[in-house]
């Protein structure tokens, strides 16, 4: 499967040369190929999530709810 799925960190899409196959457990068919994140990607994701939390925690509950419902 050549359609590799990137991952989103801090509003930007990232790819990796390390590709993992995702298999359907029922029949072991390959359902996707995904890019494996590095340790640096993980650190960037944690920093980005922490920053996002600091922004959204100041919002009223109904505003956070509206954001999540739009997702």
PDB file of N, CA and C in Angstrom:
ATOM      1  N   UNK A   1       0.856  -1.173   0.000  1.00  0.00           N
ATOM      2  CA  UNK A   1       0.000   0.000   0.000  1.00  0.00           C
ATOM      3  C   UNK A   1       0.897   1.229   0.000  1.00  0.00           C
ATOM      4  N   UNK A   2       0.786   2.078  -0.985  1.00  0.00           N
ATOM      5  CA  UNK A   2       1.668   3.235  -1.132  1.00  0.00           C
ATOM      6  C   UNK A   2       1.092   4.529  -0.571  1.00  0.00           C
ATOM      7  N   UNK A   3      -0.151   4.503  -0.119  1.00  0.00           N
ATOM      8  CA  UNK A   3      -0.799   5.706   0.387  1.00  0.00           C
ATOM      9  C   UNK A   3      -0.504   5.856   1.879  1.00  0.00           C
ATOM     10  N   UNK A   4       0.671   6.405   2.204  1.00  0.00           N
ATOM     11  CA  UNK A   4       1.075   6.533   3.595  1.00  0.00           C
ATOM     12  C   UNK A   4       0.365   7.693   4.265  1.00  0.00           C
ATOM     13  N   UNK A   5      -0.090   7.463   5.479  1.00  0.00           N
ATOM     14  CA  UNK A   5      -0.834   8.463   6.222  1.00  0.00           C
ATOM     15  C   UNK A   5       0.118   9.254   7.124  1.00  0.00           C
ATOM     16  N   UNK A   6       0.211  10.561   6.903  1.00  0.00           N
ATOM     17  CA  UNK A   6       1.048  11.387   7.782  1.00  0.00           C
ATOM     18  C   UNK A   6       0.330  11.630   9.112  1.00  0.00           C
ATOM     19  N   UNK A   7       0.990  12.295  10.024  1.00  0.00           N
ATOM     20  CA  UNK A   7       0.381  12.621  11.310  1.00  0.00           C
ATOM     21  C   UNK A   7       0.498  14.120  11.553  1.00  0.00           C
ATOM     22  N   UNK A   8      -0.439  14.635  12.343  1.00  0.00           N
ATOM     23  CA  UNK A   8      -0.563  16.066  12.579  1.00  0.00           C
ATOM     24  C   UNK A   8       0.029  16.429  13.931  1.00  0.00           C
ATOM     25  N   UNK A   9       0.952  17.400  13.920  1.00  0.00           N
ATOM     26  CA  UNK A   9       1.535  17.915  15.163  1.00  0.00           C
ATOM     27  C   UNK A   9       1.596  19.425  15.056  1.00  0.00           C
ATOM     28  N   UNK A  10       0.976  20.095  15.997  1.00  0.00           N
ATOM     29  CA  UNK A  10       1.044  21.555  16.046  1.00  0.00           C
ATOM     30  C   UNK A  10       0.533  22.244  14.801  1.00  0.00           C
ATOM     31  N   UNK A  11      -0.452  21.671  14.159  1.00  0.00           N
ATOM     32  CA  UNK A  11      -1.035  22.282  12.970  1.00  0.00           C
ATOM     33  C   UNK A  11      -0.311  21.965  11.674  1.00  0.00           C
ATOM     34  N   UNK A  12       0.731  21.139  11.736  1.00  0.00           N
ATOM     35  CA  UNK A  12       1.472  20.770  10.535  1.00  0.00           C
ATOM     36  C   UNK A  12       1.535  19.262  10.350  1.00  0.00           C
ATOM     37  N   UNK A  13       1.437  18.835   9.101  1.00  0.00           N
ATOM     38  CA  UNK A  13       1.494  17.404   8.782  1.00  0.00           C
ATOM     39  C   UNK A  13       2.942  16.959   8.670  1.00  0.00           C
ATOM     40  N   UNK A  14       3.240  15.796   9.223  1.00  0.00           N
ATOM     41  CA  UNK A  14       4.593  15.237   9.171  1.00  0.00           C
ATOM     42  C   UNK A  14       4.552  13.828   8.603  1.00  0.00           C
ATOM     43  N   UNK A  15       5.648  13.487   7.963  1.00  0.00           N
ATOM     44  CA  UNK A  15       5.820  12.133   7.431  1.00  0.00           C
ATOM     45  C   UNK A  15       7.130  11.571   7.946  1.00  0.00           C
ATOM     46  N   UNK A  16       7.302  10.293   7.752  1.00  0.00           N
ATOM     47  CA  UNK A  16       8.510   9.607   8.183  1.00  0.00           C
ATOM     48  C   UNK A  16       8.863   8.548   7.147  1.00  0.00           C
ATOM     49  N   UNK A  17      10.123   8.210   7.088  1.00  0.00           N
ATOM     50  CA  UNK A  17      10.552   7.114   6.207  1.00  0.00           C
ATOM     51  C   UNK A  17      10.253   5.753   6.827  1.00  0.00           C
ATOM     52  N   UNK A  18       9.990   5.743   8.142  1.00  0.00           N
ATOM     53  CA  UNK A  18       9.660   4.511   8.848  1.00  0.00           C
ATOM     54  C   UNK A  18       8.150   4.290   8.735  1.00  0.00           C
ATOM     55  N   UNK A  19       7.754   3.369   7.867  1.00  0.00           N
ATOM     56  CA  UNK A  19       6.348   3.118   7.570  1.00  0.00           C
ATOM     57  C   UNK A  19       5.900   1.830   8.259  1.00  0.00           C
ATOM     58  N   UNK A  20       4.735   1.904   8.888  1.00  0.00           N
ATOM     59  CA  UNK A  20       4.158   0.739   9.562  1.00  0.00           C
ATOM     60  C   UNK A  20       2.848   0.363   8.879  1.00  0.00           C
ATOM     61  N   UNK A  21       2.625  -0.925   8.746  1.00  0.00           N
ATOM     62  CA  UNK A  21       1.373  -1.406   8.178  1.00  0.00           C
ATOM     63  C   UNK A  21       0.365  -1.608   9.307  1.00  0.00           C
ATOM     64  N   UNK A  22      -0.861  -1.161   9.073  1.00  0.00           N
ATOM     65  CA  UNK A  22      -1.952  -1.388  10.018  1.00  0.00           C
ATOM     66  C   UNK A  22      -2.801  -2.508   9.442  1.00  0.00           C
ATOM     67  N   UNK A  23      -2.983  -3.548  10.240  1.00  0.00           N
ATOM     68  CA  UNK A  23      -3.710  -4.723   9.757  1.00  0.00           C
ATOM     69  C   UNK A  23      -5.033  -4.901  10.488  1.00  0.00           C
ATOM     70  N   UNK A  24      -6.032  -5.346   9.739  1.00  0.00           N
ATOM     71  CA  UNK A  24      -7.331  -5.662  10.294  1.00  0.00           C
ATOM     72  C   UNK A  24      -7.212  -6.989  11.030  1.00  0.00           C
ATOM     73  N   UNK A  25      -7.505  -7.016  12.328  1.00  0.00           N
ATOM     74  CA  UNK A  25      -7.261  -8.238  13.103  1.00  0.00           C
ATOM     75  C   UNK A  25      -8.136  -9.426  12.707  1.00  0.00           C
ATOM     76  N   UNK A  26      -9.263  -9.169  12.062  1.00  0.00           N
ATOM     77  CA  UNK A  26     -10.161 -10.263  11.699  1.00  0.00           C
ATOM     78  C   UNK A  26      -9.545 -11.174  10.644  1.00  0.00           C
ATOM     79  N   UNK A  27      -8.935 -10.572   9.595  1.00  0.00           N
ATOM     80  CA  UNK A  27      -8.390 -11.394   8.517  1.00  0.00           C
ATOM     81  C   UNK A  27      -6.952 -11.042   8.155  1.00  0.00           C
ATOM     82  N   UNK A  28      -6.335 -10.138   8.912  1.00  0.00           N
ATOM     83  CA  UNK A  28      -4.934  -9.740   8.736  1.00  0.00           C
ATOM     84  C   UNK A  28      -4.679  -8.958   7.444  1.00  0.00           C
ATOM     85  N   UNK A  29      -5.741  -8.440   6.796  1.00  0.00           N
ATOM     86  CA  UNK A  29      -5.568  -7.585   5.625  1.00  0.00           C
ATOM     87  C   UNK A  29      -4.932  -6.262   6.033  1.00  0.00           C
ATOM     88  N   UNK A  30      -4.105  -5.711   5.156  1.00  0.00           N
ATOM     89  CA  UNK A  30      -3.523  -4.397   5.399  1.00  0.00           C
ATOM     90  C   UNK A  30      -4.595  -3.356   5.098  1.00  0.00           C
ATOM     91  N   UNK A  31      -4.882  -2.482   6.071  1.00  0.00           N
ATOM     92  CA  UNK A  31      -5.906  -1.459   5.871  1.00  0.00           C
ATOM     93  C   UNK A  31      -5.295  -0.073   5.709  1.00  0.00           C
ATOM     94  N   UNK A  32      -4.034   0.111   6.099  1.00  0.00           N
ATOM     95  CA  UNK A  32      -3.375   1.416   5.954  1.00  0.00           C
ATOM     96  C   UNK A  32      -1.880   1.258   6.150  1.00  0.00           C
ATOM     97  N   UNK A  33      -1.159   2.231   5.644  1.00  0.00           N
ATOM     98  CA  UNK A  33       0.267   2.363   5.926  1.00  0.00           C
ATOM     99  C   UNK A  33       0.444   3.723   6.579  1.00  0.00           C
ATOM    100  N   UNK A  34       1.041   3.734   7.751  1.00  0.00           N
ATOM    101  CA  UNK A  34       1.180   4.981   8.502  1.00  0.00           C
ATOM    102  C   UNK A  34       2.650   5.281   8.767  1.00  0.00           C
ATOM    103  N   UNK A  35       2.941   6.567   8.874  1.00  0.00           N
ATOM    104  CA  UNK A  35       4.289   7.007   9.196  1.00  0.00           C
ATOM    105  C   UNK A  35       4.517   6.874  10.697  1.00  0.00           C
ATOM    106  N   UNK A  36       5.626   6.279  11.067  1.00  0.00           N
ATOM    107  CA  UNK A  36       5.975   6.105  12.475  1.00  0.00           C
ATOM    108  C   UNK A  36       6.640   7.369  12.989  1.00  0.00           C
ATOM    109  N   UNK A  37       6.116   7.929  14.073  1.00  0.00           N
ATOM    110  CA  UNK A  37       6.688   9.134  14.676  1.00  0.00           C
ATOM    111  C   UNK A  37       8.007   8.806  15.382  1.00  0.00           C
ATOM    112  N   UNK A  38       8.883   9.797  15.417  1.00  0.00           N
ATOM    113  CA  UNK A  38      10.156   9.657  16.127  1.00  0.00           C
ATOM    114  C   UNK A  38      10.005  10.188  17.548  1.00  0.00           C
ATOM    115  N   UNK A  39      11.038  10.019  18.363  1.00  0.00           N
ATOM    116  CA  UNK A  39      11.038  10.575  19.713  1.00  0.00           C
ATOM    117  C   UNK A  39      10.913  12.097  19.668  1.00  0.00           C
ATOM    118  N   UNK A  40      11.551  12.722  18.685  1.00  0.00           N
ATOM    119  CA  UNK A  40      11.459  14.177  18.525  1.00  0.00           C
ATOM    120  C   UNK A  40      10.030  14.597  18.169  1.00  0.00           C
ATOM    121  N   UNK A  41       9.373  13.826  17.306  1.00  0.00           N
ATOM    122  CA  UNK A  41       7.977  14.103  16.969  1.00  0.00           C
ATOM    123  C   UNK A  41       7.102  14.027  18.222  1.00  0.00           C
ATOM    124  N   UNK A  42       7.347  13.022  19.041  1.00  0.00           N
ATOM    125  CA  UNK A  42       6.584  12.853  20.268  1.00  0.00           C
ATOM    126  C   UNK A  42       6.782  14.043  21.199  1.00  0.00           C
ATOM    127  N   UNK A  43       8.015  14.485  21.363  1.00  0.00           N
ATOM    128  CA  UNK A  43       8.307  15.644  22.211  1.00  0.00           C
ATOM    129  C   UNK A  43       7.597  16.888  21.662  1.00  0.00           C
ATOM    130  N   UNK A  44       7.651  17.085  20.360  1.00  0.00           N
ATOM    131  CA  UNK A  44       6.961  18.225  19.737  1.00  0.00           C
ATOM    132  C   UNK A  44       5.450  18.149  19.966  1.00  0.00           C
ATOM    133  N   UNK A  45       4.887  16.949  19.915  1.00  0.00           N
ATOM    134  CA  UNK A  45       3.452  16.772  20.125  1.00  0.00           C
ATOM    135  C   UNK A  45       3.065  17.126  21.558  1.00  0.00           C
ATOM    136  N   UNK A  46       3.885  16.722  22.519  1.00  0.00           N
ATOM    137  CA  UNK A  46       3.600  17.032  23.922  1.00  0.00           C
ATOM    138  C   UNK A  46       3.662  18.536  24.161  1.00  0.00           C
ATOM    139  N   UNK A  47       4.685  19.189  23.613  1.00  0.00           N
ATOM    140  CA  UNK A  47       4.815  20.643  23.763  1.00  0.00           C
ATOM    141  C   UNK A  47       3.627  21.355  23.126  1.00  0.00           C
ATOM    142  N   UNK A  48       3.240  20.919  21.942  1.00  0.00           N
ATOM    143  CA  UNK A  48       2.109  21.529  21.238  1.00  0.00           C
ATOM    144  C   UNK A  48       0.805  21.318  22.006  1.00  0.00           C
ATOM    145  N   UNK A  49       0.595  20.119  22.514  1.00  0.00           N
ATOM    146  CA  UNK A  49      -0.623  19.832  23.271  1.00  0.00           C
ATOM    147  C   UNK A  49      -0.667  20.656  24.561  1.00  0.00           C
ATOM    148  N   UNK A  50       0.458  20.806  25.221  1.00  0.00           N
ATOM    149  CA  UNK A  50       0.516  21.620  26.442  1.00  0.00           C
ATOM    150  C   UNK A  50       0.184  23.069  26.144  1.00  0.00           C
ATOM    151  N   UNK A  51       0.705  23.576  25.046  1.00  0.00           N
ATOM    152  CA  UNK A  51       0.422  24.946  24.634  1.00  0.00           C
ATOM    153  C   UNK A  51      -1.062  25.117  24.313  1.00  0.00           C
ATOM    154  N   UNK A  52      -1.630  24.166  23.611  1.00  0.00           N
ATOM    155  CA  UNK A  52      -3.047  24.216  23.275  1.00  0.00           C
ATOM    156  C   UNK A  52      -3.926  24.154  24.516  1.00  0.00           C
ATOM    157  N   UNK A  53      -3.519  23.361  25.486  1.00  0.00           N
ATOM    158  CA  UNK A  53      -4.270  23.271  26.734  1.00  0.00           C
ATOM    159  C   UNK A  53      -4.287  24.612  27.456  1.00  0.00           C
ATOM    160  N   UNK A  54      -3.148  25.282  27.496  1.00  0.00           N
ATOM    161  CA  UNK A  54      -3.076  26.575  28.173  1.00  0.00           C
ATOM    162  C   UNK A  54      -4.000  27.600  27.512  1.00  0.00           C
ATOM    163  N   UNK A  55      -4.164  27.502  26.209  1.00  0.00           N
ATOM    164  CA  UNK A  55      -5.055  28.419  25.488  1.00  0.00           C
ATOM    165  C   UNK A  55      -6.521  28.069  25.758  1.00  0.00           C
ATOM    166  N   UNK A  56      -6.863  26.797  25.605  1.00  0.00           N
ATOM    167  CA  UNK A  56      -8.272  26.402  25.709  1.00  0.00           C
ATOM    168  C   UNK A  56      -8.787  26.356  27.141  1.00  0.00           C
ATOM    169  N   UNK A  57      -7.930  26.213  28.121  1.00  0.00           N
ATOM    170  CA  UNK A  57      -8.406  26.148  29.502  1.00  0.00           C
ATOM    171  C   UNK A  57      -9.014  27.473  29.954  1.00  0.00           C
ATOM    172  N   UNK A  58      -8.680  28.547  29.268  1.00  0.00           N
ATOM    173  CA  UNK A  58      -9.220  29.865  29.608  1.00  0.00           C
ATOM    174  C   UNK A  58     -10.591  30.114  28.978  1.00  0.00           C
ATOM    175  N   UNK A  59     -11.008  29.215  28.093  1.00  0.00           N
ATOM    176  CA  UNK A  59     -12.310  29.359  27.439  1.00  0.00           C
ATOM    177  C   UNK A  59     -13.422  28.837  28.349  1.00  0.00           C
ATOM    178  N   UNK A  60     -14.609  29.385  28.158  1.00  0.00           N
ATOM    179  CA  UNK A  60     -15.773  28.875  28.872  1.00  0.00           C
ATOM    180  C   UNK A  60     -16.090  27.466  28.372  1.00  0.00           C
ATOM    181  N   UNK A  61     -16.775  26.705  29.214  1.00  0.00           N
ATOM    182  CA  UNK A  61     -17.104  25.318  28.866  1.00  0.00           C
ATOM    183  C   UNK A  61     -17.877  25.249  27.553  1.00  0.00           C
ATOM    184  N   UNK A  62     -18.848  26.134  27.357  1.00  0.00           N
ATOM    185  CA  UNK A  62     -19.639  26.078  26.125  1.00  0.00           C
ATOM    186  C   UNK A  62     -18.770  26.362  24.893  1.00  0.00           C
ATOM    187  N   UNK A  63     -17.722  27.180  25.033  1.00  0.00           N
ATOM    188  CA  UNK A  63     -16.829  27.453  23.903  1.00  0.00           C
ATOM    189  C   UNK A  63     -15.979  26.227  23.579  1.00  0.00           C
ATOM    190  N   UNK A  64     -15.466  25.550  24.599  1.00  0.00           N
ATOM    191  CA  UNK A  64     -14.692  24.322  24.364  1.00  0.00           C
ATOM    192  C   UNK A  64     -15.581  23.252  23.749  1.00  0.00           C
ATOM    193  N   UNK A  65     -16.819  23.168  24.243  1.00  0.00           N
ATOM    194  CA  UNK A  65     -17.766  22.192  23.707  1.00  0.00           C
ATOM    195  C   UNK A  65     -18.036  22.450  22.230  1.00  0.00           C
ATOM    196  N   UNK A  66     -18.184  23.709  21.866  1.00  0.00           N
ATOM    197  CA  UNK A  66     -18.441  24.059  20.459  1.00  0.00           C
ATOM    198  C   UNK A  66     -17.268  23.642  19.581  1.00  0.00           C
ATOM    199  N   UNK A  67     -16.043  23.851  20.053  1.00  0.00           N
ATOM    200  CA  UNK A  67     -14.841  23.460  19.297  1.00  0.00           C
ATOM    201  C   UNK A  67     -14.850  21.945  19.084  1.00  0.00           C
ATOM    202  N   UNK A  68     -15.103  21.185  20.141  1.00  0.00           N
ATOM    203  CA  UNK A  68     -15.099  19.728  20.028  1.00  0.00           C
ATOM    204  C   UNK A  68     -16.223  19.223  19.127  1.00  0.00           C
ATOM    205  N   UNK A  69     -17.379  19.849  19.199  1.00  0.00           N
ATOM    206  CA  UNK A  69     -18.495  19.444  18.339  1.00  0.00           C
ATOM    207  C   UNK A  69     -18.179  19.712  16.873  1.00  0.00           C
ATOM    208  N   UNK A  70     -17.416  20.751  16.585  1.00  0.00           N
ATOM    209  CA  UNK A  70     -17.044  21.056  15.204  1.00  0.00           C
ATOM    210  C   UNK A  70     -16.053  20.052  14.640  1.00  0.00           C
ATOM    211  N   UNK A  71     -15.337  19.372  15.509  1.00  0.00           N
ATOM    212  CA  UNK A  71     -14.388  18.367  15.038  1.00  0.00           C
ATOM    213  C   UNK A  71     -15.142  17.175  14.497  1.00  0.00           C
TER     214      UNK A  71
END
